[in-house]
């Protein structure tokens, strides 16, 4: 009787392990899908500006400061501490963002 009880306990534990593995697989695949959907895609664009192309051609400095403020706000880049007249800090922030793209 004790052996039968141990076998039944072992079978229940195996069933729980199987359920845990299935739940973990479902969680992992859902997480991977969400991360894929949230990842920046190539090319990174804003409005009519292809930022990947501008970055690769070293022409990021061609855009004006007001455009950079809008682009940084769109990509949720923190810009509160940047002076309104300087273009270079905005360009550096976007260059950092561009390094996360597959084209960089």
PDB file of N, CA and C in Angstrom:
ATOM      1  N   UNK A   1       0.823  -1.179   0.000  1.00  0.00           N
ATOM      2  CA  UNK A   1       0.000   0.000   0.000  1.00  0.00           C
ATOM      3  C   UNK A   1       0.880   1.260   0.000  1.00  0.00           C
ATOM      4  N   UNK A   2       1.950   1.264   0.774  1.00  0.00           N
ATOM      5  CA  UNK A   2       2.860   2.412   0.819  1.00  0.00           C
ATOM      6  C   UNK A   2       3.510   2.620  -0.546  1.00  0.00           C
ATOM      7  N   UNK A   3       3.887   1.530  -1.215  1.00  0.00           N
ATOM      8  CA  UNK A   3       4.501   1.639  -2.542  1.00  0.00           C
ATOM      9  C   UNK A   3       3.516   2.235  -3.535  1.00  0.00           C
ATOM     10  N   UNK A   4       2.258   1.819  -3.451  1.00  0.00           N
ATOM     11  CA  UNK A   4       1.228   2.354  -4.347  1.00  0.00           C
ATOM     12  C   UNK A   4       1.032   3.852  -4.080  1.00  0.00           C
ATOM     13  N   UNK A   5       1.050   4.252  -2.814  1.00  0.00           N
ATOM     14  CA  UNK A   5       0.895   5.655  -2.467  1.00  0.00           C
ATOM     15  C   UNK A   5       2.065   6.486  -3.010  1.00  0.00           C
ATOM     16  N   UNK A   6       3.296   5.945  -2.859  1.00  0.00           N
ATOM     17  CA  UNK A   6       4.466   6.649  -3.396  1.00  0.00           C
ATOM     18  C   UNK A   6       4.377   6.800  -4.907  1.00  0.00           C
ATOM     19  N   UNK A   7       3.907   5.764  -5.592  1.00  0.00           N
ATOM     20  CA  UNK A   7       3.778   5.814  -7.052  1.00  0.00           C
ATOM     21  C   UNK A   7       2.742   6.867  -7.467  1.00  0.00           C
ATOM     22  N   UNK A   8       1.612   6.908  -6.769  1.00  0.00           N
ATOM     23  CA  UNK A   8       0.579   7.900  -7.079  1.00  0.00           C
ATOM     24  C   UNK A   8       1.105   9.315  -6.816  1.00  0.00           C
ATOM     25  N   UNK A   9       1.849   9.498  -5.726  1.00  0.00           N
ATOM     26  CA  UNK A   9       2.435  10.803  -5.412  1.00  0.00           C
ATOM     27  C   UNK A   9       3.433  11.217  -6.491  1.00  0.00           C
ATOM     28  N   UNK A  10       4.208  10.234  -6.954  1.00  0.00           N
ATOM     29  CA  UNK A  10       5.190  10.491  -8.009  1.00  0.00           C
ATOM     30  C   UNK A  10       4.483  10.870  -9.313  1.00  0.00           C
ATOM     31  N   UNK A  11       3.381  10.200  -9.635  1.00  0.00           N
ATOM     32  CA  UNK A  11       2.621  10.506 -10.848  1.00  0.00           C
ATOM     33  C   UNK A  11       2.029  11.918 -10.781  1.00  0.00           C
ATOM     34  N   UNK A  12       1.507  12.304  -9.623  1.00  0.00           N
ATOM     35  CA  UNK A  12       0.944  13.646  -9.445  1.00  0.00           C
ATOM     36  C   UNK A  12       2.045  14.691  -9.598  1.00  0.00           C
ATOM     37  N   UNK A  13       3.203  14.432  -9.005  1.00  0.00           N
ATOM     38  CA  UNK A  13       4.326  15.374  -9.111  1.00  0.00           C
ATOM     39  C   UNK A  13       4.765  15.514 -10.566  1.00  0.00           C
ATOM     40  N   UNK A  14       4.819  14.410 -11.308  1.00  0.00           N
ATOM     41  CA  UNK A  14       5.173  14.471 -12.729  1.00  0.00           C
ATOM     42  C   UNK A  14       4.160  15.289 -13.516  1.00  0.00           C
ATOM     43  N   UNK A  15       2.874  15.138 -13.187  1.00  0.00           N
ATOM     44  CA  UNK A  15       1.824  15.899 -13.877  1.00  0.00           C
ATOM     45  C   UNK A  15       1.982  17.393 -13.594  1.00  0.00           C
ATOM     46  N   UNK A  16       2.279  17.740 -12.338  1.00  0.00           N
ATOM     47  CA  UNK A  16       2.484  19.147 -11.990  1.00  0.00           C
ATOM     48  C   UNK A  16       3.710  19.713 -12.700  1.00  0.00           C
ATOM     49  N   UNK A  17       4.767  18.915 -12.776  1.00  0.00           N
ATOM     50  CA  UNK A  17       5.969  19.354 -13.492  1.00  0.00           C
ATOM     51  C   UNK A  17       5.655  19.603 -14.957  1.00  0.00           C
ATOM     52  N   UNK A  18       4.860  18.746 -15.544  1.00  0.00           N
ATOM     53  CA  UNK A  18       4.478  18.927 -16.942  1.00  0.00           C
ATOM     54  C   UNK A  18       3.669  20.193 -17.152  1.00  0.00           C
ATOM     55  N   UNK A  19       2.762  20.461 -16.221  1.00  0.00           N
ATOM     56  CA  UNK A  19       1.976  21.691 -16.303  1.00  0.00           C
ATOM     57  C   UNK A  19       2.856  22.919 -16.128  1.00  0.00           C
ATOM     58  N   UNK A  20       3.806  22.838 -15.217  1.00  0.00           N
ATOM     59  CA  UNK A  20       4.714  23.965 -14.983  1.00  0.00           C
ATOM     60  C   UNK A  20       5.567  24.236 -16.222  1.00  0.00           C
ATOM     61  N   UNK A  21       6.032  23.194 -16.871  1.00  0.00           N
ATOM     62  CA  UNK A  21       6.823  23.357 -18.087  1.00  0.00           C
ATOM     63  C   UNK A  21       5.978  23.995 -19.188  1.00  0.00           C
ATOM     64  N   UNK A  22       4.748  23.548 -19.331  1.00  0.00           N
ATOM     65  CA  UNK A  22       3.860  24.109 -20.356  1.00  0.00           C
ATOM     66  C   UNK A  22       3.577  25.577 -20.072  1.00  0.00           C
ATOM     67  N   UNK A  23       3.319  25.924 -18.819  1.00  0.00           N
ATOM     68  CA  UNK A  23       3.076  27.323 -18.460  1.00  0.00           C
ATOM     69  C   UNK A  23       4.311  28.177 -18.709  1.00  0.00           C
ATOM     70  N   UNK A  24       5.481  27.646 -18.381  1.00  0.00           N
ATOM     71  CA  UNK A  24       6.722  28.396 -18.600  1.00  0.00           C
ATOM     72  C   UNK A  24       6.969  28.619 -20.088  1.00  0.00           C
ATOM     73  N   UNK A  25       6.701  27.617 -20.911  1.00  0.00           N
ATOM     74  CA  UNK A  25       6.849  27.769 -22.364  1.00  0.00           C
ATOM     75  C   UNK A  25       5.903  28.834 -22.899  1.00  0.00           C
ATOM     76  N   UNK A  26       4.662  28.826 -22.416  1.00  0.00           N
ATOM     77  CA  UNK A  26       3.687  29.829 -22.846  1.00  0.00           C
ATOM     78  C   UNK A  26       4.141  31.217 -22.428  1.00  0.00           C
ATOM     79  N   UNK A  27       4.595  31.355 -21.206  1.00  0.00           N
ATOM     80  CA  UNK A  27       5.086  32.643 -20.703  1.00  0.00           C
ATOM     81  C   UNK A  27       6.280  33.119 -21.524  1.00  0.00           C
ATOM     82  N   UNK A  28       7.231  32.234 -21.784  1.00  0.00           N
ATOM     83  CA  UNK A  28       8.436  32.605 -22.529  1.00  0.00           C
ATOM     84  C   UNK A  28       8.111  33.037 -23.949  1.00  0.00           C
ATOM     85  N   UNK A  29       7.213  32.336 -24.608  1.00  0.00           N
ATOM     86  CA  UNK A  29       6.878  32.704 -25.981  1.00  0.00           C
ATOM     87  C   UNK A  29       6.109  34.021 -26.021  1.00  0.00           C
ATOM     88  N   UNK A  30       5.238  34.256 -25.042  1.00  0.00           N
ATOM     89  CA  UNK A  30       4.510  35.522 -24.981  1.00  0.00           C
ATOM     90  C   UNK A  30       5.475  36.670 -24.711  1.00  0.00           C
ATOM     91  N   UNK A  31       6.420  36.464 -23.822  1.00  0.00           N
ATOM     92  CA  UNK A  31       7.413  37.495 -23.508  1.00  0.00           C
ATOM     93  C   UNK A  31       8.266  37.806 -24.735  1.00  0.00           C
ATOM     94  N   UNK A  32       8.707  36.784 -25.438  1.00  0.00           N
ATOM     95  CA  UNK A  32       9.518  36.992 -26.644  1.00  0.00           C
ATOM     96  C   UNK A  32       8.733  37.763 -27.701  1.00  0.00           C
ATOM     97  N   UNK A  33       7.456  37.440 -27.840  1.00  0.00           N
ATOM     98  CA  UNK A  33       6.616  38.142 -28.816  1.00  0.00           C
ATOM     99  C   UNK A  33       6.459  39.614 -28.446  1.00  0.00           C
ATOM    100  N   UNK A  34       6.240  39.893 -27.180  1.00  0.00           N
ATOM    101  CA  UNK A  34       6.081  41.277 -26.718  1.00  0.00           C
ATOM    102  C   UNK A  34       7.375  42.056 -26.930  1.00  0.00           C
ATOM    103  N   UNK A  35       8.519  41.463 -26.600  1.00  0.00           N
ATOM    104  CA  UNK A  35       9.796  42.144 -26.799  1.00  0.00           C
ATOM    105  C   UNK A  35      10.057  42.418 -28.275  1.00  0.00           C
ATOM    106  N   UNK A  36       9.681  41.494 -29.130  1.00  0.00           N
ATOM    107  CA  UNK A  36       9.842  41.685 -30.571  1.00  0.00           C
ATOM    108  C   UNK A  36       8.964  42.826 -31.068  1.00  0.00           C
ATOM    109  N   UNK A  37       7.750  42.919 -30.564  1.00  0.00           N
ATOM    110  CA  UNK A  37       6.832  43.977 -30.986  1.00  0.00           C
ATOM    111  C   UNK A  37       7.283  45.354 -30.495  1.00  0.00           C
ATOM    112  N   UNK A  38       7.936  45.408 -29.336  1.00  0.00           N
ATOM    113  CA  UNK A  38       8.350  46.685 -28.753  1.00  0.00           C
ATOM    114  C   UNK A  38       9.709  47.160 -29.251  1.00  0.00           C
ATOM    115  N   UNK A  39      10.447  46.301 -29.901  1.00  0.00           N
ATOM    116  CA  UNK A  39      11.787  46.637 -30.385  1.00  0.00           C
ATOM    117  C   UNK A  39      11.695  47.653 -31.511  1.00  0.00           C
ATOM    118  N   UNK A  40      12.682  48.544 -31.550  1.00  0.00           N
ATOM    119  CA  UNK A  40      12.745  49.481 -32.656  1.00  0.00           C
ATOM    120  C   UNK A  40      12.972  48.716 -33.951  1.00  0.00           C
ATOM    121  N   UNK A  41      12.311  49.145 -34.994  1.00  0.00           N
ATOM    122  CA  UNK A  41      12.462  48.468 -36.269  1.00  0.00           C
ATOM    123  C   UNK A  41      13.299  49.328 -37.206  1.00  0.00           C
ATOM    124  N   UNK A  42      13.900  48.689 -38.168  1.00  0.00           N
ATOM    125  CA  UNK A  42      14.740  49.377 -39.140  1.00  0.00           C
ATOM    126  C   UNK A  42      13.916  49.672 -40.367  1.00  0.00           C
ATOM    127  N   UNK A  43      13.971  50.810 -40.937  1.00  0.00           N
ATOM    128  CA  UNK A  43      14.691  51.986 -40.475  1.00  0.00           C
ATOM    129  C   UNK A  43      13.889  52.748 -39.432  1.00  0.00           C
ATOM    130  N   UNK A  44      14.613  53.445 -38.569  1.00  0.00           N
ATOM    131  CA  UNK A  44      13.971  54.294 -37.572  1.00  0.00           C
ATOM    132  C   UNK A  44      13.599  55.593 -38.280  1.00  0.00           C
ATOM    133  N   UNK A  45      12.326  55.895 -38.259  1.00  0.00           N
ATOM    134  CA  UNK A  45      11.857  57.089 -38.963  1.00  0.00           C
ATOM    135  C   UNK A  45      10.985  57.926 -38.043  1.00  0.00           C
ATOM    136  N   UNK A  46      10.926  59.196 -38.375  1.00  0.00           N
ATOM    137  CA  UNK A  46       9.965  60.095 -37.755  1.00  0.00           C
ATOM    138  C   UNK A  46       9.443  60.996 -38.856  1.00  0.00           C
ATOM    139  N   UNK A  47       8.127  61.014 -39.027  1.00  0.00           N
ATOM    140  CA  UNK A  47       7.494  61.807 -40.064  1.00  0.00           C
ATOM    141  C   UNK A  47       8.128  61.442 -41.404  1.00  0.00           C
ATOM    142  N   UNK A  48       8.758  62.371 -42.072  1.00  0.00           N
ATOM    143  CA  UNK A  48       9.396  62.058 -43.360  1.00  0.00           C
ATOM    144  C   UNK A  48      10.895  61.850 -43.227  1.00  0.00           C
ATOM    145  N   UNK A  49      11.410  61.892 -42.014  1.00  0.00           N
ATOM    146  CA  UNK A  49      12.846  61.789 -41.771  1.00  0.00           C
ATOM    147  C   UNK A  49      13.241  60.331 -41.521  1.00  0.00           C
ATOM    148  N   UNK A  50      14.127  59.809 -42.358  1.00  0.00           N
ATOM    149  CA  UNK A  50      14.691  58.489 -42.156  1.00  0.00           C
ATOM    150  C   UNK A  50      15.958  58.684 -41.334  1.00  0.00           C
ATOM    151  N   UNK A  51      15.860  58.473 -40.036  1.00  0.00           N
ATOM    152  CA  UNK A  51      16.976  58.748 -39.148  1.00  0.00           C
ATOM    153  C   UNK A  51      18.139  57.794 -39.377  1.00  0.00           C
ATOM    154  N   UNK A  52      17.854  56.569 -39.795  1.00  0.00           N
ATOM    155  CA  UNK A  52      18.928  55.620 -40.094  1.00  0.00           C
ATOM    156  C   UNK A  52      19.780  56.125 -41.267  1.00  0.00           C
ATOM    157  N   UNK A  53      19.119  56.615 -42.275  1.00  0.00           N
ATOM    158  CA  UNK A  53      19.837  57.126 -43.443  1.00  0.00           C
ATOM    159  C   UNK A  53      20.640  58.378 -43.084  1.00  0.00           C
ATOM    160  N   UNK A  54      20.030  59.284 -42.333  1.00  0.00           N
ATOM    161  CA  UNK A  54      20.747  60.481 -41.898  1.00  0.00           C
ATOM    162  C   UNK A  54      21.952  60.116 -41.039  1.00  0.00           C
ATOM    163  N   UNK A  55      21.784  59.136 -40.181  1.00  0.00           N
ATOM    164  CA  UNK A  55      22.875  58.693 -39.306  1.00  0.00           C
ATOM    165  C   UNK A  55      24.005  58.087 -40.129  1.00  0.00           C
ATOM    166  N   UNK A  56      23.674  57.226 -41.066  1.00  0.00           N
ATOM    167  CA  UNK A  56      24.716  56.563 -41.862  1.00  0.00           C
ATOM    168  C   UNK A  56      25.446  57.540 -42.778  1.00  0.00           C
ATOM    169  N   UNK A  57      24.775  58.625 -43.179  1.00  0.00           N
ATOM    170  CA  UNK A  57      25.404  59.626 -44.043  1.00  0.00           C
ATOM    171  C   UNK A  57      25.982  60.797 -43.250  1.00  0.00           C
ATOM    172  N   UNK A  58      26.023  60.678 -41.923  1.00  0.00           N
ATOM    173  CA  UNK A  58      26.531  61.738 -41.046  1.00  0.00           C
ATOM    174  C   UNK A  58      25.840  63.076 -41.310  1.00  0.00           C
ATOM    175  N   UNK A  59      24.523  63.048 -41.476  1.00  0.00           N
ATOM    176  CA  UNK A  59      23.770  64.266 -41.744  1.00  0.00           C
ATOM    177  C   UNK A  59      22.734  64.569 -40.662  1.00  0.00           C
ATOM    178  N   UNK A  60      22.930  64.010 -39.489  1.00  0.00           N
ATOM    179  CA  UNK A  60      21.995  64.285 -38.399  1.00  0.00           C
ATOM    180  C   UNK A  60      22.011  65.758 -38.002  1.00  0.00           C
ATOM    181  N   UNK A  61      23.120  66.422 -38.194  1.00  0.00           N
ATOM    182  CA  UNK A  61      23.226  67.828 -37.800  1.00  0.00           C
ATOM    183  C   UNK A  61      22.488  68.755 -38.760  1.00  0.00           C
ATOM    184  N   UNK A  62      21.955  68.249 -39.835  1.00  0.00           N
ATOM    185  CA  UNK A  62      21.235  69.080 -40.800  1.00  0.00           C
ATOM    186  C   UNK A  62      19.859  69.515 -40.300  1.00  0.00           C
ATOM    187  N   UNK A  63      19.319  68.808 -39.321  1.00  0.00           N
ATOM    188  CA  UNK A  63      17.990  69.136 -38.801  1.00  0.00           C
ATOM    189  C   UNK A  63      18.089  70.254 -37.771  1.00  0.00           C
ATOM    190  N   UNK A  64      17.018  71.012 -37.635  1.00  0.00           N
ATOM    191  CA  UNK A  64      17.000  72.143 -36.705  1.00  0.00           C
ATOM    192  C   UNK A  64      16.682  71.681 -35.280  1.00  0.00           C
ATOM    193  N   UNK A  65      16.971  72.531 -34.330  1.00  0.00           N
ATOM    194  CA  UNK A  65      16.730  72.230 -32.914  1.00  0.00           C
ATOM    195  C   UNK A  65      15.252  71.954 -32.634  1.00  0.00           C
ATOM    196  N   UNK A  66      14.311  72.759 -33.164  1.00  0.00           N
ATOM    197  CA  UNK A  66      12.899  72.436 -32.897  1.00  0.00           C
ATOM    198  C   UNK A  66      12.489  71.042 -33.413  1.00  0.00           C
ATOM    199  N   UNK A  67      13.021  70.655 -34.565  1.00  0.00           N
ATOM    200  CA  UNK A  67      12.732  69.310 -35.084  1.00  0.00           C
ATOM    201  C   UNK A  67      13.329  68.260 -34.158  1.00  0.00           C
ATOM    202  N   UNK A  68      14.546  68.489 -33.667  1.00  0.00           N
ATOM    203  CA  UNK A  68      15.175  67.541 -32.746  1.00  0.00           C
ATOM    204  C   UNK A  68      14.371  67.410 -31.460  1.00  0.00           C
ATOM    205  N   UNK A  69      13.830  68.505 -30.962  1.00  0.00           N
ATOM    206  CA  UNK A  69      13.014  68.440 -29.743  1.00  0.00           C
ATOM    207  C   UNK A  69      11.781  67.570 -29.968  1.00  0.00           C
ATOM    208  N   UNK A  70      11.164  67.726 -31.122  1.00  0.00           N
ATOM    209  CA  UNK A  70       9.972  66.935 -31.443  1.00  0.00           C
ATOM    210  C   UNK A  70      10.340  65.457 -31.593  1.00  0.00           C
ATOM    211  N   UNK A  71      11.432  65.181 -32.295  1.00  0.00           N
ATOM    212  CA  UNK A  71      11.861  63.795 -32.499  1.00  0.00           C
ATOM    213  C   UNK A  71      12.210  63.144 -31.163  1.00  0.00           C
ATOM    214  N   UNK A  72      12.946  63.837 -30.316  1.00  0.00           N
ATOM    215  CA  UNK A  72      13.308  63.288 -29.008  1.00  0.00           C
ATOM    216  C   UNK A  72      12.065  63.033 -28.157  1.00  0.00           C
ATOM    217  N   UNK A  73      11.120  63.932 -28.209  1.00  0.00           N
ATOM    218  CA  UNK A  73       9.867  63.729 -27.468  1.00  0.00           C
ATOM    219  C   UNK A  73       9.117  62.513 -28.003  1.00  0.00           C
ATOM    220  N   UNK A  74       9.109  62.339 -29.311  1.00  0.00           N
ATOM    221  CA  UNK A  74       8.420  61.203 -29.921  1.00  0.00           C
ATOM    222  C   UNK A  74       9.017  59.877 -29.442  1.00  0.00           C
ATOM    223  N   UNK A  75      10.336  59.799 -29.369  1.00  0.00           N
ATOM    224  CA  UNK A  75      11.004  58.573 -28.940  1.00  0.00           C
ATOM    225  C   UNK A  75      11.213  58.513 -27.429  1.00  0.00           C
ATOM    226  N   UNK A  76      10.577  59.446 -26.696  1.00  0.00           N
ATOM    227  CA  UNK A  76      10.617  59.497 -25.240  1.00  0.00           C
ATOM    228  C   UNK A  76      12.040  59.562 -24.693  1.00  0.00           C
ATOM    229  N   UNK A  77      12.853  60.398 -25.333  1.00  0.00           N
ATOM    230  CA  UNK A  77      14.213  60.643 -24.883  1.00  0.00           C
ATOM    231  C   UNK A  77      14.173  61.864 -23.969  1.00  0.00           C
ATOM    232  N   UNK A  78      14.813  61.761 -22.827  1.00  0.00           N
ATOM    233  CA  UNK A  78      14.810  62.841 -21.831  1.00  0.00           C
ATOM    234  C   UNK A  78      15.606  64.032 -22.348  1.00  0.00           C
ATOM    235  N   UNK A  79      14.942  65.195 -22.483  1.00  0.00           N
ATOM    236  CA  UNK A  79      15.590  66.383 -23.042  1.00  0.00           C
ATOM    237  C   UNK A  79      15.431  67.618 -22.155  1.00  0.00           C
ATOM    238  N   UNK A  80      14.907  67.473 -20.964  1.00  0.00           N
ATOM    239  CA  UNK A  80      14.635  68.636 -20.110  1.00  0.00           C
ATOM    240  C   UNK A  80      15.891  69.408 -19.730  1.00  0.00           C
ATOM    241  N   UNK A  81      17.018  68.754 -19.609  1.00  0.00           N
ATOM    242  CA  UNK A  81      18.245  69.424 -19.164  1.00  0.00           C
ATOM    243  C   UNK A  81      19.058  70.018 -20.308  1.00  0.00           C
ATOM    244  N   UNK A  82      18.572  69.921 -21.537  1.00  0.00           N
ATOM    245  CA  UNK A  82      19.326  70.401 -22.692  1.00  0.00           C
ATOM    246  C   UNK A  82      18.946  71.842 -23.004  1.00  0.00           C
ATOM    247  N   UNK A  83      19.965  72.633 -23.319  1.00  0.00           N
ATOM    248  CA  UNK A  83      19.744  74.020 -23.715  1.00  0.00           C
ATOM    249  C   UNK A  83      18.991  74.054 -25.040  1.00  0.00           C
ATOM    250  N   UNK A  84      18.110  74.991 -25.194  1.00  0.00           N
ATOM    251  CA  UNK A  84      17.280  75.070 -26.393  1.00  0.00           C
ATOM    252  C   UNK A  84      18.076  75.408 -27.650  1.00  0.00           C
ATOM    253  N   UNK A  85      19.202  76.096 -27.510  1.00  0.00           N
ATOM    254  CA  UNK A  85      19.923  76.575 -28.681  1.00  0.00           C
ATOM    255  C   UNK A  85      20.973  75.609 -29.206  1.00  0.00           C
ATOM    256  N   UNK A  86      21.350  74.627 -28.436  1.00  0.00           N
ATOM    257  CA  UNK A  86      22.418  73.722 -28.837  1.00  0.00           C
ATOM    258  C   UNK A  86      21.865  72.491 -29.540  1.00  0.00           C
ATOM    259  N   UNK A  87      22.391  72.221 -30.708  1.00  0.00           N
ATOM    260  CA  UNK A  87      21.944  71.090 -31.511  1.00  0.00           C
ATOM    261  C   UNK A  87      22.676  69.799 -31.134  1.00  0.00           C
ATOM    262  N   UNK A  88      23.937  69.904 -30.768  1.00  0.00           N
ATOM    263  CA  UNK A  88      24.782  68.744 -30.528  1.00  0.00           C
ATOM    264  C   UNK A  88      24.255  67.780 -29.461  1.00  0.00           C
ATOM    265  N   UNK A  89      23.726  68.254 -28.323  1.00  0.00           N
ATOM    266  CA  UNK A  89      23.203  67.292 -27.332  1.00  0.00           C
ATOM    267  C   UNK A  89      22.050  66.439 -27.874  1.00  0.00           C
ATOM    268  N   UNK A  90      21.217  67.033 -28.698  1.00  0.00           N
ATOM    269  CA  UNK A  90      20.117  66.276 -29.302  1.00  0.00           C
ATOM    270  C   UNK A  90      20.667  65.211 -30.251  1.00  0.00           C
ATOM    271  N   UNK A  91      21.643  65.615 -31.034  1.00  0.00           N
ATOM    272  CA  UNK A  91      22.253  64.688 -31.992  1.00  0.00           C
ATOM    273  C   UNK A  91      22.893  63.522 -31.245  1.00  0.00           C
ATOM    274  N   UNK A  92      23.572  63.798 -30.147  1.00  0.00           N
ATOM    275  CA  UNK A  92      24.198  62.726 -29.369  1.00  0.00           C
ATOM    276  C   UNK A  92      23.162  61.759 -28.807  1.00  0.00           C
ATOM    277  N   UNK A  93      22.042  62.283 -28.336  1.00  0.00           N
ATOM    278  CA  UNK A  93      20.984  61.412 -27.812  1.00  0.00           C
ATOM    279  C   UNK A  93      20.414  60.518 -28.902  1.00  0.00           C
ATOM    280  N   UNK A  94      20.185  61.088 -30.073  1.00  0.00           N
ATOM    281  CA  UNK A  94      19.637  60.286 -31.176  1.00  0.00           C
ATOM    282  C   UNK A  94      20.672  59.297 -31.685  1.00  0.00           C
ATOM    283  N   UNK A  95      21.941  59.674 -31.708  1.00  0.00           N
ATOM    284  CA  UNK A  95      22.982  58.727 -32.110  1.00  0.00           C
ATOM    285  C   UNK A  95      23.008  57.522 -31.165  1.00  0.00           C
ATOM    286  N   UNK A  96      22.806  57.781 -29.882  1.00  0.00           N
ATOM    287  CA  UNK A  96      22.739  56.680 -28.909  1.00  0.00           C
ATOM    288  C   UNK A  96      21.547  55.775 -29.224  1.00  0.00           C
ATOM    289  N   UNK A  97      20.427  56.363 -29.573  1.00  0.00           N
ATOM    290  CA  UNK A  97      19.244  55.587 -29.958  1.00  0.00           C
ATOM    291  C   UNK A  97      19.526  54.795 -31.234  1.00  0.00           C
ATOM    292  N   UNK A  98      20.241  55.391 -32.166  1.00  0.00           N
ATOM    293  CA  UNK A  98      20.513  54.743 -33.447  1.00  0.00           C
ATOM    294  C   UNK A  98      21.403  53.523 -33.282  1.00  0.00           C
ATOM    295  N   UNK A  99      22.227  53.507 -32.261  1.00  0.00           N
ATOM    296  CA  UNK A  99      23.104  52.345 -32.029  1.00  0.00           C
ATOM    297  C   UNK A  99      22.313  51.085 -31.698  1.00  0.00           C
ATOM    298  N   UNK A 100      21.056  51.250 -31.277  1.00  0.00           N
ATOM    299  CA  UNK A 100      20.215  50.090 -30.974  1.00  0.00           C
ATOM    300  C   UNK A 100      19.560  49.513 -32.216  1.00  0.00           C
ATOM    301  N   UNK A 101      19.669  50.210 -33.344  1.00  0.00           N
ATOM    302  CA  UNK A 101      19.063  49.745 -34.589  1.00  0.00           C
ATOM    303  C   UNK A 101      19.968  48.699 -35.234  1.00  0.00           C
ATOM    304  N   UNK A 102      19.376  47.823 -36.010  1.00  0.00           N
ATOM    305  CA  UNK A 102      20.146  46.762 -36.670  1.00  0.00           C
ATOM    306  C   UNK A 102      21.077  47.291 -37.750  1.00  0.00           C
ATOM    307  N   UNK A 103      20.873  48.515 -38.210  1.00  0.00           N
ATOM    308  CA  UNK A 103      21.722  49.052 -39.274  1.00  0.00           C
ATOM    309  C   UNK A 103      23.026  49.621 -38.739  1.00  0.00           C
ATOM    310  N   UNK A 104      23.091  49.862 -37.439  1.00  0.00           N
ATOM    311  CA  UNK A 104      24.286  50.512 -36.868  1.00  0.00           C
ATOM    312  C   UNK A 104      25.431  49.533 -36.702  1.00  0.00           C
TER     313      UNK A 104
END
